[in-house]
Amino acid sequence: MNSYDFVETVKRYVRDAAIEDTIANLKSPPGSRVPPQERTHSDWYNNLSDAESAHVNSVIATAVHEDLFGLFAALDGARTIDDGRGRFELIYASDQRILLNDPKAIDLHDLLNAYS
């Protein structure tokens, strides 16, 4: 796995799944004892027009993307989350160790935006 594969995999199995799960939970909250706030959100969502729910879905997708972008930016060192003395090293380990957020290569957050 390289950086490109990692970002593509995270997009498919993390980003897209989070968007789909959030929308599915809005449409039909899971469980037999749905908290009142979730029921209120679901009732509101289910009463939207198709155009309005499409806008909400777009906002959800944007929020999930921005969250993932922020995480990747922090892993790349472009967004500081400490006093700046250290840096993260994201390693994919199999028969070899591959640095996925190599500072000499394209940043993960740039890859995310390049192929979104």
PDB file of N, CA and C in Angstrom:
ATOM      1  N   MET A   1       0.845  -1.180   0.000  1.00  0.00           N
ATOM      2  CA  MET A   1       0.000   0.000   0.000  1.00  0.00           C
ATOM      3  C   MET A   1       0.883   1.232   0.000  1.00  0.00           C
ATOM      4  N   ASN A   2       0.526   2.200  -0.833  1.00  0.00           N
ATOM      5  CA  ASN A   2       1.228   3.483  -0.846  1.00  0.00           C
ATOM      6  C   ASN A   2       0.264   4.578  -0.408  1.00  0.00           C
ATOM      7  N   SER A   3       0.709   5.815  -0.438  1.00  0.00           N
ATOM      8  CA  SER A   3      -0.117   6.939   0.003  1.00  0.00           C
ATOM      9  C   SER A   3      -1.395   7.068  -0.807  1.00  0.00           C
ATOM     10  N   TYR A   4      -1.288   6.881  -2.113  1.00  0.00           N
ATOM     11  CA  TYR A   4      -2.458   6.980  -2.986  1.00  0.00           C
ATOM     12  C   TYR A   4      -3.483   5.908  -2.626  1.00  0.00           C
ATOM     13  N   ASP A   5      -3.021   4.675  -2.465  1.00  0.00           N
ATOM     14  CA  ASP A   5      -3.908   3.566  -2.100  1.00  0.00           C
ATOM     15  C   ASP A   5      -4.566   3.827  -0.743  1.00  0.00           C
ATOM     16  N   PHE A   6      -3.769   4.330   0.199  1.00  0.00           N
ATOM     17  CA  PHE A   6      -4.282   4.604   1.536  1.00  0.00           C
ATOM     18  C   PHE A   6      -5.424   5.618   1.481  1.00  0.00           C
ATOM     19  N   VAL A   7      -5.206   6.721   0.793  1.00  0.00           N
ATOM     20  CA  VAL A   7      -6.233   7.763   0.714  1.00  0.00           C
ATOM     21  C   VAL A   7      -7.471   7.230   0.009  1.00  0.00           C
ATOM     22  N   GLU A   8      -7.302   6.511  -1.079  1.00  0.00           N
ATOM     23  CA  GLU A   8      -8.446   5.930  -1.797  1.00  0.00           C
ATOM     24  C   GLU A   8      -9.224   4.962  -0.899  1.00  0.00           C
ATOM     25  N   THR A   9      -8.510   4.150  -0.148  1.00  0.00           N
ATOM     26  CA  THR A   9      -9.158   3.194   0.742  1.00  0.00           C
ATOM     27  C   THR A   9      -9.905   3.900   1.863  1.00  0.00           C
ATOM     28  N   VAL A  10      -9.299   4.908   2.445  1.00  0.00           N
ATOM     29  CA  VAL A  10      -9.959   5.667   3.512  1.00  0.00           C
ATOM     30  C   VAL A  10     -11.191   6.384   2.957  1.00  0.00           C
ATOM     31  N   LYS A  11     -11.080   6.923   1.762  1.00  0.00           N
ATOM     32  CA  LYS A  11     -12.241   7.577   1.155  1.00  0.00           C
ATOM     33  C   LYS A  11     -13.397   6.590   1.007  1.00  0.00           C
ATOM     34  N   ARG A  12     -13.101   5.412   0.522  1.00  0.00           N
ATOM     35  CA  ARG A  12     -14.152   4.422   0.257  1.00  0.00           C
ATOM     36  C   ARG A  12     -14.735   3.850   1.549  1.00  0.00           C
ATOM     37  N   TYR A  13     -13.872   3.421   2.462  1.00  0.00           N
ATOM     38  CA  TYR A  13     -14.334   2.670   3.618  1.00  0.00           C
ATOM     39  C   TYR A  13     -14.570   3.508   4.871  1.00  0.00           C
ATOM     40  N   VAL A  14     -14.100   4.742   4.877  1.00  0.00           N
ATOM     41  CA  VAL A  14     -14.313   5.611   6.035  1.00  0.00           C
ATOM     42  C   VAL A  14     -15.223   6.779   5.645  1.00  0.00           C
ATOM     43  N   ARG A  15     -14.767   7.597   4.705  1.00  0.00           N
ATOM     44  CA  ARG A  15     -15.549   8.779   4.327  1.00  0.00           C
ATOM     45  C   ARG A  15     -16.911   8.406   3.768  1.00  0.00           C
ATOM     46  N   ASP A  16     -16.925   7.599   2.714  1.00  0.00           N
ATOM     47  CA  ASP A  16     -18.194   7.259   2.069  1.00  0.00           C
ATOM     48  C   ASP A  16     -19.120   6.501   3.015  1.00  0.00           C
ATOM     49  N   ALA A  17     -18.556   5.615   3.821  1.00  0.00           N
ATOM     50  CA  ALA A  17     -19.372   4.869   4.787  1.00  0.00           C
ATOM     51  C   ALA A  17     -19.971   5.800   5.840  1.00  0.00           C
ATOM     52  N   ALA A  18     -19.204   6.784   6.302  1.00  0.00           N
ATOM     53  CA  ALA A  18     -19.719   7.731   7.298  1.00  0.00           C
ATOM     54  C   ALA A  18     -20.874   8.549   6.722  1.00  0.00           C
ATOM     55  N   ILE A  19     -20.741   8.967   5.480  1.00  0.00           N
ATOM     56  CA  ILE A  19     -21.809   9.729   4.829  1.00  0.00           C
ATOM     57  C   ILE A  19     -23.057   8.861   4.695  1.00  0.00           C
ATOM     58  N   GLU A  20     -22.885   7.669   4.153  1.00  0.00           N
ATOM     59  CA  GLU A  20     -24.024   6.765   3.949  1.00  0.00           C
ATOM     60  C   GLU A  20     -24.684   6.389   5.264  1.00  0.00           C
ATOM     61  N   ASP A  21     -23.896   6.101   6.287  1.00  0.00           N
ATOM     62  CA  ASP A  21     -24.447   5.718   7.587  1.00  0.00           C
ATOM     63  C   ASP A  21     -25.200   6.874   8.235  1.00  0.00           C
ATOM     64  N   THR A  22     -24.667   8.086   8.126  1.00  0.00           N
ATOM     65  CA  THR A  22     -25.333   9.244   8.713  1.00  0.00           C
ATOM     66  C   THR A  22     -26.680   9.480   8.052  1.00  0.00           C
ATOM     67  N   ILE A  23     -26.719   9.399   6.740  1.00  0.00           N
ATOM     68  CA  ILE A  23     -27.977   9.597   6.015  1.00  0.00           C
ATOM     69  C   ILE A  23     -28.967   8.477   6.354  1.00  0.00           C
ATOM     70  N   ALA A  24     -28.490   7.243   6.389  1.00  0.00           N
ATOM     71  CA  ALA A  24     -29.364   6.118   6.733  1.00  0.00           C
ATOM     72  C   ALA A  24     -29.933   6.266   8.142  1.00  0.00           C
ATOM     73  N   ASN A  25     -29.108   6.729   9.080  1.00  0.00           N
ATOM     74  CA  ASN A  25     -29.573   6.929  10.451  1.00  0.00           C
ATOM     75  C   ASN A  25     -30.572   8.072  10.548  1.00  0.00           C
ATOM     76  N   LEU A  26     -30.417   9.089   9.710  1.00  0.00           N
ATOM     77  CA  LEU A  26     -31.405  10.164   9.671  1.00  0.00           C
ATOM     78  C   LEU A  26     -32.743   9.645   9.146  1.00  0.00           C
ATOM     79  N   LYS A  27     -32.682   8.838   8.108  1.00  0.00           N
ATOM     80  CA  LYS A  27     -33.912   8.297   7.524  1.00  0.00           C
ATOM     81  C   LYS A  27     -34.620   7.357   8.488  1.00  0.00           C
ATOM     82  N   SER A  28     -33.845   6.529   9.157  1.00  0.00           N
ATOM     83  CA  SER A  28     -34.424   5.524  10.041  1.00  0.00           C
ATOM     84  C   SER A  28     -33.449   5.212  11.168  1.00  0.00           C
ATOM     85  N   PRO A  29     -33.571   5.918  12.289  1.00  0.00           N
ATOM     86  CA  PRO A  29     -32.633   5.701  13.395  1.00  0.00           C
ATOM     87  C   PRO A  29     -32.684   4.245  13.883  1.00  0.00           C
ATOM     88  N   PRO A  30     -31.520   3.655  14.122  1.00  0.00           N
ATOM     89  CA  PRO A  30     -31.485   2.251  14.542  1.00  0.00           C
ATOM     90  C   PRO A  30     -31.832   2.089  16.022  1.00  0.00           C
ATOM     91  N   GLY A  31     -32.297   0.921  16.354  1.00  0.00           N
ATOM     92  CA  GLY A  31     -32.556   0.588  17.748  1.00  0.00           C
ATOM     93  C   GLY A  31     -34.017   0.714  18.123  1.00  0.00           C
ATOM     94  N   SER A  32     -34.350   0.098  19.244  1.00  0.00           N
ATOM     95  CA  SER A  32     -35.741   0.133  19.708  1.00  0.00           C
ATOM     96  C   SER A  32     -36.013   1.330  20.610  1.00  0.00           C
ATOM     97  N   ARG A  33     -34.976   1.903  21.173  1.00  0.00           N
ATOM     98  CA  ARG A  33     -35.129   3.075  22.050  1.00  0.00           C
ATOM     99  C   ARG A  33     -34.331   4.243  21.474  1.00  0.00           C
ATOM    100  N   VAL A  34     -34.910   4.852  20.481  1.00  0.00           N
ATOM    101  CA  VAL A  34     -34.237   5.970  19.805  1.00  0.00           C
ATOM    102  C   VAL A  34     -34.319   7.205  20.709  1.00  0.00           C
ATOM    103  N   PRO A  35     -33.181   7.832  20.994  1.00  0.00           N
ATOM    104  CA  PRO A  35     -33.208   9.053  21.804  1.00  0.00           C
ATOM    105  C   PRO A  35     -34.101  10.112  21.157  1.00  0.00           C
ATOM    106  N   PRO A  36     -34.782  10.909  21.979  1.00  0.00           N
ATOM    107  CA  PRO A  36     -35.721  11.905  21.443  1.00  0.00           C
ATOM    108  C   PRO A  36     -35.097  12.856  20.415  1.00  0.00           C
ATOM    109  N   GLN A  37     -33.870  13.289  20.635  1.00  0.00           N
ATOM    110  CA  GLN A  37     -33.240  14.212  19.692  1.00  0.00           C
ATOM    111  C   GLN A  37     -33.030  13.547  18.332  1.00  0.00           C
ATOM    112  N   GLU A  38     -32.642  12.274  18.324  1.00  0.00           N
ATOM    113  CA  GLU A  38     -32.476  11.564  17.055  1.00  0.00           C
ATOM    114  C   GLU A  38     -33.814  11.386  16.357  1.00  0.00           C
ATOM    115  N   ARG A  39     -34.870  11.093  17.122  1.00  0.00           N
ATOM    116  CA  ARG A  39     -36.212  10.959  16.538  1.00  0.00           C
ATOM    117  C   ARG A  39     -36.650  12.289  15.927  1.00  0.00           C
ATOM    118  N   THR A  40     -36.380  13.400  16.619  1.00  0.00           N
ATOM    119  CA  THR A  40     -36.728  14.728  16.110  1.00  0.00           C
ATOM    120  C   THR A  40     -35.987  15.016  14.811  1.00  0.00           C
ATOM    121  N   HIS A  41     -34.689  14.703  14.772  1.00  0.00           N
ATOM    122  CA  HIS A  41     -33.903  14.910  13.547  1.00  0.00           C
ATOM    123  C   HIS A  41     -34.459  14.058  12.404  1.00  0.00           C
ATOM    124  N   SER A  42     -34.793  12.816  12.701  1.00  0.00           N
ATOM    125  CA  SER A  42     -35.312  11.920  11.678  1.00  0.00           C
ATOM    126  C   SER A  42     -36.661  12.401  11.149  1.00  0.00           C
ATOM    127  N   ASP A  43     -37.534  12.795  12.046  1.00  0.00           N
ATOM    128  CA  ASP A  43     -38.847  13.303  11.616  1.00  0.00           C
ATOM    129  C   ASP A  43     -38.676  14.526  10.726  1.00  0.00           C
ATOM    130  N   TRP A  44     -37.777  15.423  11.126  1.00  0.00           N
ATOM    131  CA  TRP A  44     -37.524  16.628  10.331  1.00  0.00           C
ATOM    132  C   TRP A  44     -36.996  16.240   8.951  1.00  0.00           C
ATOM    133  N   TYR A  45     -35.970  15.381   8.922  1.00  0.00           N
ATOM    134  CA  TYR A  45     -35.343  14.974   7.662  1.00  0.00           C
ATOM    135  C   TYR A  45     -36.356  14.307   6.737  1.00  0.00           C
ATOM    136  N   ASN A  46     -37.158  13.420   7.278  1.00  0.00           N
ATOM    137  CA  ASN A  46     -38.111  12.671   6.463  1.00  0.00           C
ATOM    138  C   ASN A  46     -39.253  13.533   5.930  1.00  0.00           C
ATOM    139  N   ASN A  47     -39.418  14.722   6.469  1.00  0.00           N
ATOM    140  CA  ASN A  47     -40.443  15.642   5.976  1.00  0.00           C
ATOM    141  C   ASN A  47     -39.890  16.662   4.974  1.00  0.00           C
ATOM    142  N   LEU A  48     -38.608  16.570   4.661  1.00  0.00           N
ATOM    143  CA  LEU A  48     -38.011  17.474   3.684  1.00  0.00           C
ATOM    144  C   LEU A  48     -38.403  17.056   2.271  1.00  0.00           C
ATOM    145  N   SER A  49     -38.396  18.016   1.370  1.00  0.00           N
ATOM    146  CA  SER A  49     -38.584  17.687  -0.045  1.00  0.00           C
ATOM    147  C   SER A  49     -37.324  16.984  -0.543  1.00  0.00           C
ATOM    148  N   ASP A  50     -37.412  16.402  -1.723  1.00  0.00           N
ATOM    149  CA  ASP A  50     -36.238  15.743  -2.303  1.00  0.00           C
ATOM    150  C   ASP A  50     -35.084  16.721  -2.476  1.00  0.00           C
ATOM    151  N   ALA A  51     -35.387  17.940  -2.916  1.00  0.00           N
ATOM    152  CA  ALA A  51     -34.338  18.952  -3.104  1.00  0.00           C
ATOM    153  C   ALA A  51     -33.714  19.346  -1.774  1.00  0.00           C
ATOM    154  N   GLU A  52     -34.532  19.494  -0.749  1.00  0.00           N
ATOM    155  CA  GLU A  52     -34.010  19.869   0.568  1.00  0.00           C
ATOM    156  C   GLU A  52     -33.158  18.751   1.168  1.00  0.00           C
ATOM    157  N   SER A  53     -33.612  17.506   1.041  1.00  0.00           N
ATOM    158  CA  SER A  53     -32.805  16.410   1.588  1.00  0.00           C
ATOM    159  C   SER A  53     -31.502  16.257   0.808  1.00  0.00           C
ATOM    160  N   ALA A  54     -31.513  16.561  -0.483  1.00  0.00           N
ATOM    161  CA  ALA A  54     -30.273  16.537  -1.266  1.00  0.00           C
ATOM    162  C   ALA A  54     -29.292  17.584  -0.739  1.00  0.00           C
ATOM    163  N   HIS A  55     -29.797  18.751  -0.341  1.00  0.00           N
ATOM    164  CA  HIS A  55     -28.928  19.789   0.239  1.00  0.00           C
ATOM    165  C   HIS A  55     -28.353  19.317   1.568  1.00  0.00           C
ATOM    166  N   VAL A  56     -29.183  18.716   2.402  1.00  0.00           N
ATOM    167  CA  VAL A  56     -28.699  18.200   3.689  1.00  0.00           C
ATOM    168  C   VAL A  56     -27.641  17.130   3.459  1.00  0.00           C
ATOM    169  N   ASN A  57     -27.890  16.231   2.514  1.00  0.00           N
ATOM    170  CA  ASN A  57     -26.916  15.180   2.204  1.00  0.00           C
ATOM    171  C   ASN A  57     -25.592  15.781   1.748  1.00  0.00           C
ATOM    172  N   SER A  58     -25.674  16.847   0.982  1.00  0.00           N
ATOM    173  CA  SER A  58     -24.462  17.530   0.523  1.00  0.00           C
ATOM    174  C   SER A  58     -23.702  18.155   1.688  1.00  0.00           C
ATOM    175  N   VAL A  59     -24.421  18.745   2.625  1.00  0.00           N
ATOM    176  CA  VAL A  59     -23.784  19.333   3.807  1.00  0.00           C
ATOM    177  C   VAL A  59     -23.108  18.233   4.637  1.00  0.00           C
ATOM    178  N   ILE A  60     -23.775  17.097   4.782  1.00  0.00           N
ATOM    179  CA  ILE A  60     -23.184  15.973   5.511  1.00  0.00           C
ATOM    180  C   ILE A  60     -21.894  15.537   4.825  1.00  0.00           C
ATOM    181  N   ALA A  61     -21.933  15.390   3.509  1.00  0.00           N
ATOM    182  CA  ALA A  61     -20.742  14.967   2.762  1.00  0.00           C
ATOM    183  C   ALA A  61     -19.605  15.971   2.922  1.00  0.00           C
ATOM    184  N   THR A  62     -19.930  17.248   2.886  1.00  0.00           N
ATOM    185  CA  THR A  62     -18.915  18.291   3.052  1.00  0.00           C
ATOM    186  C   THR A  62     -18.305  18.233   4.445  1.00  0.00           C
ATOM    187  N   ALA A  63     -19.136  18.064   5.460  1.00  0.00           N
ATOM    188  CA  ALA A  63     -18.637  18.015   6.838  1.00  0.00           C
ATOM    189  C   ALA A  63     -17.726  16.812   7.053  1.00  0.00           C
ATOM    190  N   VAL A  64     -18.105  15.653   6.526  1.00  0.00           N
ATOM    191  CA  VAL A  64     -17.274  14.459   6.669  1.00  0.00           C
ATOM    192  C   VAL A  64     -15.944  14.659   5.940  1.00  0.00           C
ATOM    193  N   HIS A  65     -16.002  15.223   4.745  1.00  0.00           N
ATOM    194  CA  HIS A  65     -14.778  15.477   3.982  1.00  0.00           C
ATOM    195  C   HIS A  65     -13.854  16.433   4.740  1.00  0.00           C
ATOM    196  N   GLU A  66     -14.406  17.513   5.276  1.00  0.00           N
ATOM    197  CA  GLU A  66     -13.589  18.494   6.004  1.00  0.00           C
ATOM    198  C   GLU A  66     -12.956  17.879   7.247  1.00  0.00           C
ATOM    199  N   ASP A  67     -13.674  16.996   7.907  1.00  0.00           N
ATOM    200  CA  ASP A  67     -13.130  16.319   9.074  1.00  0.00           C
ATOM    201  C   ASP A  67     -11.934  15.443   8.686  1.00  0.00           C
ATOM    202  N   LEU A  68     -12.105  14.671   7.631  1.00  0.00           N
ATOM    203  CA  LEU A  68     -11.021  13.813   7.152  1.00  0.00           C
ATOM    204  C   LEU A  68      -9.843  14.653   6.645  1.00  0.00           C
ATOM    205  N   PHE A  69     -10.136  15.735   5.947  1.00  0.00           N
ATOM    206  CA  PHE A  69      -9.091  16.638   5.472  1.00  0.00           C
ATOM    207  C   PHE A  69      -8.273  17.169   6.665  1.00  0.00           C
ATOM    208  N   GLY A  70      -8.963  17.575   7.732  1.00  0.00           N
ATOM    209  CA  GLY A  70      -8.276  18.088   8.918  1.00  0.00           C
ATOM    210  C   GLY A  70      -7.388  17.052   9.572  1.00  0.00           C
ATOM    211  N   LEU A  71      -7.874  15.817   9.639  1.00  0.00           N
ATOM    212  CA  LEU A  71      -7.061  14.739  10.196  1.00  0.00           C
ATOM    213  C   LEU A  71      -5.817  14.501   9.345  1.00  0.00           C
ATOM    214  N   PHE A  72      -6.005  14.421   8.030  1.00  0.00           N
ATOM    215  CA  PHE A  72      -4.850  14.214   7.142  1.00  0.00           C
ATOM    216  C   PHE A  72      -3.876  15.392   7.233  1.00  0.00           C
ATOM    217  N   ALA A  73      -4.394  16.616   7.311  1.00  0.00           N
ATOM    218  CA  ALA A  73      -3.522  17.791   7.436  1.00  0.00           C
ATOM    219  C   ALA A  73      -2.709  17.717   8.725  1.00  0.00           C
ATOM    220  N   ALA A  74      -3.317  17.241   9.807  1.00  0.00           N
ATOM    221  CA  ALA A  74      -2.584  17.076  11.068  1.00  0.00           C
ATOM    222  C   ALA A  74      -1.514  15.991  10.931  1.00  0.00           C
ATOM    223  N   LEU A  75      -1.859  14.886  10.287  1.00  0.00           N
ATOM    224  CA  LEU A  75      -0.867  13.825  10.081  1.00  0.00           C
ATOM    225  C   LEU A  75       0.279  14.293   9.192  1.00  0.00           C
ATOM    226  N   ASP A  76      -0.029  15.173   8.232  1.00  0.00           N
ATOM    227  CA  ASP A  76       0.998  15.701   7.333  1.00  0.00           C
ATOM    228  C   ASP A  76       1.853  16.782   7.976  1.00  0.00           C
ATOM    229  N   GLY A  77       1.393  17.328   9.095  1.00  0.00           N
ATOM    230  CA  GLY A  77       2.108  18.425   9.744  1.00  0.00           C
ATOM    231  C   GLY A  77       1.706  19.797   9.233  1.00  0.00           C
ATOM    232  N   ALA A  78       0.722  19.853   8.356  1.00  0.00           N
ATOM    233  CA  ALA A  78       0.243  21.136   7.835  1.00  0.00           C
ATOM    234  C   ALA A  78      -0.688  21.831   8.824  1.00  0.00           C
ATOM    235  N   ARG A  79      -1.290  21.067   9.710  1.00  0.00           N
ATOM    236  CA  ARG A  79      -2.147  21.615  10.761  1.00  0.00           C
ATOM    237  C   ARG A  79      -1.535  21.199  12.085  1.00  0.00           C
ATOM    238  N   THR A  80      -1.106  22.154  12.863  1.00  0.00           N
ATOM    239  CA  THR A  80      -0.433  21.885  14.124  1.00  0.00           C
ATOM    240  C   THR A  80      -1.456  21.580  15.210  1.00  0.00           C
ATOM    241  N   ILE A  81      -1.245  20.480  15.916  1.00  0.00           N
ATOM    242  CA  ILE A  81      -2.138  20.139  17.022  1.00  0.00           C
ATOM    243  C   ILE A  81      -1.371  20.007  18.339  1.00  0.00           C
ATOM    244  N   ASP A  82      -0.086  20.320  18.298  1.00  0.00           N
ATOM    245  CA  ASP A  82       0.715  20.354  19.519  1.00  0.00           C
ATOM    246  C   ASP A  82       1.602  21.595  19.449  1.00  0.00           C
ATOM    247  N   ASP A  83       2.645  21.613  20.196  1.00  0.00           N
ATOM    248  CA  ASP A  83       3.520  22.792  20.192  1.00  0.00           C
ATOM    249  C   ASP A  83       4.498  22.802  19.019  1.00  0.00           C
ATOM    250  N   GLY A  84       4.365  21.859  18.116  1.00  0.00           N
ATOM    251  CA  GLY A  84       5.182  21.860  16.916  1.00  0.00           C
ATOM    252  C   GLY A  84       6.533  21.194  17.043  1.00  0.00           C
ATOM    253  N   ARG A  85       6.796  20.538  18.148  1.00  0.00           N
ATOM    254  CA  ARG A  85       8.125  19.930  18.321  1.00  0.00           C
ATOM    255  C   ARG A  85       8.261  18.570  17.656  1.00  0.00           C
ATOM    256  N   GLY A  86       7.138  17.919  17.414  1.00  0.00           N
ATOM    257  CA  GLY A  86       7.211  16.583  16.841  1.00  0.00           C
ATOM    258  C   GLY A  86       6.436  16.508  15.540  1.00  0.00           C
ATOM    259  N   ARG A  87       6.426  15.320  14.973  1.00  0.00           N
ATOM    260  CA  ARG A  87       5.635  15.094  13.773  1.00  0.00           C
ATOM    261  C   ARG A  87       5.132  13.662  13.793  1.00  0.00           C
ATOM    262  N   PHE A  88       4.053  13.434  13.089  1.00  0.00           N
ATOM    263  CA  PHE A  88       3.478  12.099  13.002  1.00  0.00           C
ATOM    264  C   PHE A  88       4.135  11.326  11.874  1.00  0.00           C
ATOM    265  N   GLU A  89       4.268  10.037  12.087  1.00  0.00           N
ATOM    266  CA  GLU A  89       4.736   9.141  11.038  1.00  0.00           C
ATOM    267  C   GLU A  89       3.710   8.020  10.924  1.00  0.00           C
ATOM    268  N   LEU A  90       3.017   7.998   9.801  1.00  0.00           N
ATOM    269  CA  LEU A  90       2.001   6.988   9.545  1.00  0.00           C
ATOM    270  C   LEU A  90       2.641   5.881   8.719  1.00  0.00           C
ATOM    271  N   ILE A  91       2.800   4.725   9.341  1.00  0.00           N
ATOM    272  CA  ILE A  91       3.499   3.598   8.727  1.00  0.00           C
ATOM    273  C   ILE A  91       2.503   2.513   8.353  1.00  0.00           C
ATOM    274  N   TYR A  92       2.630   2.018   7.117  1.00  0.00           N
ATOM    275  CA  TYR A  92       1.929   0.804   6.714  1.00  0.00           C
ATOM    276  C   TYR A  92       2.956  -0.318   6.776  1.00  0.00           C
ATOM    277  N   ALA A  93       2.691  -1.297   7.630  1.00  0.00           N
ATOM    278  CA  ALA A  93       3.653  -2.379   7.829  1.00  0.00           C
ATOM    279  C   ALA A  93       3.084  -3.686   7.302  1.00  0.00           C
ATOM    280  N   SER A  94       3.821  -4.299   6.413  1.00  0.00           N
ATOM    281  CA  SER A  94       3.522  -5.659   5.944  1.00  0.00           C
ATOM    282  C   SER A  94       4.864  -6.372   5.875  1.00  0.00           C
ATOM    283  N   ASP A  95       5.282  -6.817   4.712  1.00  0.00           N
ATOM    284  CA  ASP A  95       6.628  -7.386   4.601  1.00  0.00           C
ATOM    285  C   ASP A  95       7.682  -6.283   4.589  1.00  0.00           C
ATOM    286  N   GLN A  96       7.243  -5.049   4.380  1.00  0.00           N
ATOM    287  CA  GLN A  96       8.121  -3.881   4.475  1.00  0.00           C
ATOM    288  C   GLN A  96       7.358  -2.763   5.183  1.00  0.00           C
ATOM    289  N   ARG A  97       8.063  -1.723   5.576  1.00  0.00           N
ATOM    290  CA  ARG A  97       7.432  -0.581   6.261  1.00  0.00           C
ATOM    291  C   ARG A  97       7.418   0.592   5.287  1.00  0.00           C
ATOM    292  N   ILE A  98       6.219   1.125   5.059  1.00  0.00           N
ATOM    293  CA  ILE A  98       6.062   2.224   4.110  1.00  0.00           C
ATOM    294  C   ILE A  98       5.534   3.436   4.865  1.00  0.00           C
ATOM    295  N   LEU A  99       6.255   4.551   4.758  1.00  0.00           N
ATOM    296  CA  LEU A  99       5.832   5.808   5.361  1.00  0.00           C
ATOM    297  C   LEU A  99       4.782   6.438   4.448  1.00  0.00           C
ATOM    298  N   LEU A 100       3.538   6.470   4.909  1.00  0.00           N
ATOM    299  CA  LEU A 100       2.447   6.964   4.069  1.00  0.00           C
ATOM    300  C   LEU A 100       2.366   8.487   4.026  1.00  0.00           C
ATOM    301  N   ASN A 101       2.852   9.140   5.048  1.00  0.00           N
ATOM    302  CA  ASN A 101       2.839  10.607   5.060  1.00  0.00           C
ATOM    303  C   ASN A 101       4.265  11.157   4.992  1.00  0.00           C
ATOM    304  N   ASP A 102       4.975  10.700   4.004  1.00  0.00           N
ATOM    305  CA  ASP A 102       6.367  11.119   3.778  1.00  0.00           C
ATOM    306  C   ASP A 102       6.400  12.618   3.476  1.00  0.00           C
ATOM    307  N   PRO A 103       7.146  13.396   4.257  1.00  0.00           N
ATOM    308  CA  PRO A 103       7.187  14.835   4.014  1.00  0.00           C
ATOM    309  C   PRO A 103       7.817  15.210   2.676  1.00  0.00           C
ATOM    310  N   LYS A 104       8.504  14.267   2.031  1.00  0.00           N
ATOM    311  CA  LYS A 104       9.124  14.540   0.728  1.00  0.00           C
ATOM    312  C   LYS A 104       8.175  14.234  -0.430  1.00  0.00           C
ATOM    313  N   ALA A 105       7.008  13.669  -0.124  1.00  0.00           N
ATOM    314  CA  ALA A 105       6.034  13.295  -1.159  1.00  0.00           C
ATOM    315  C   ALA A 105       4.800  14.183  -1.052  1.00  0.00           C
ATOM    316  N   ILE A 106       3.819  13.921  -1.885  1.00  0.00           N
ATOM    317  CA  ILE A 106       2.578  14.691  -1.843  1.00  0.00           C
ATOM    318  C   ILE A 106       1.865  14.417  -0.519  1.00  0.00           C
ATOM    319  N   ASP A 107       1.284  15.453   0.055  1.00  0.00           N
ATOM    320  CA  ASP A 107       0.597  15.333   1.337  1.00  0.00           C
ATOM    321  C   ASP A 107      -0.705  14.560   1.191  1.00  0.00           C
ATOM    322  N   LEU A 108      -1.069  13.851   2.260  1.00  0.00           N
ATOM    323  CA  LEU A 108      -2.314  13.084   2.260  1.00  0.00           C
ATOM    324  C   LEU A 108      -3.525  13.983   2.049  1.00  0.00           C
ATOM    325  N   HIS A 109      -3.509  15.162   2.696  1.00  0.00           N
ATOM    326  CA  HIS A 109      -4.672  16.048   2.544  1.00  0.00           C
ATOM    327  C   HIS A 109      -4.778  16.588   1.112  1.00  0.00           C
ATOM    328  N   ASP A 110      -3.655  16.760   0.439  1.00  0.00           N
ATOM    329  CA  ASP A 110      -3.691  17.162  -0.973  1.00  0.00           C
ATOM    330  C   ASP A 110      -4.196  16.026  -1.856  1.00  0.00           C
ATOM    331  N   LEU A 111      -3.812  14.800  -1.540  1.00  0.00           N
ATOM    332  CA  LEU A 111      -4.318  13.642  -2.281  1.00  0.00           C
ATOM    333  C   LEU A 111      -5.823  13.516  -2.119  1.00  0.00           C
ATOM    334  N   LEU A 112      -6.298  13.752  -0.910  1.00  0.00           N
ATOM    335  CA  LEU A 112      -7.745  13.670  -0.663  1.00  0.00           C
ATOM    336  C   LEU A 112      -8.493  14.649  -1.552  1.00  0.00           C
ATOM    337  N   ASN A 113      -8.014  15.863  -1.636  1.00  0.00           N
ATOM    338  CA  ASN A 113      -8.687  16.879  -2.452  1.00  0.00           C
ATOM    339  C   ASN A 113      -8.478  16.662  -3.946  1.00  0.00           C
ATOM    340  N   ALA A 114      -7.366  16.064  -4.325  1.00  0.00           N
ATOM    341  CA  ALA A 114      -7.077  15.868  -5.739  1.00  0.00           C
ATOM    342  C   ALA A 114      -8.008  14.857  -6.387  1.00  0.00           C
ATOM    343  N   TYR A 115      -8.482  13.912  -5.616  1.00  0.00           N
ATOM    344  CA  TYR A 115      -9.300  12.836  -6.180  1.00  0.00           C
ATOM    345  C   TYR A 115     -10.653  12.718  -5.508  1.00  0.00           C
ATOM    346  N   SER A 116     -11.190  13.826  -5.048  1.00  0.00           N
ATOM    347  CA  SER A 116     -12.491  13.775  -4.347  1.00  0.00           C
ATOM    348  C   SER A 116     -13.650  13.796  -5.301  1.00  0.00           C
TER     349      SER A 116
END
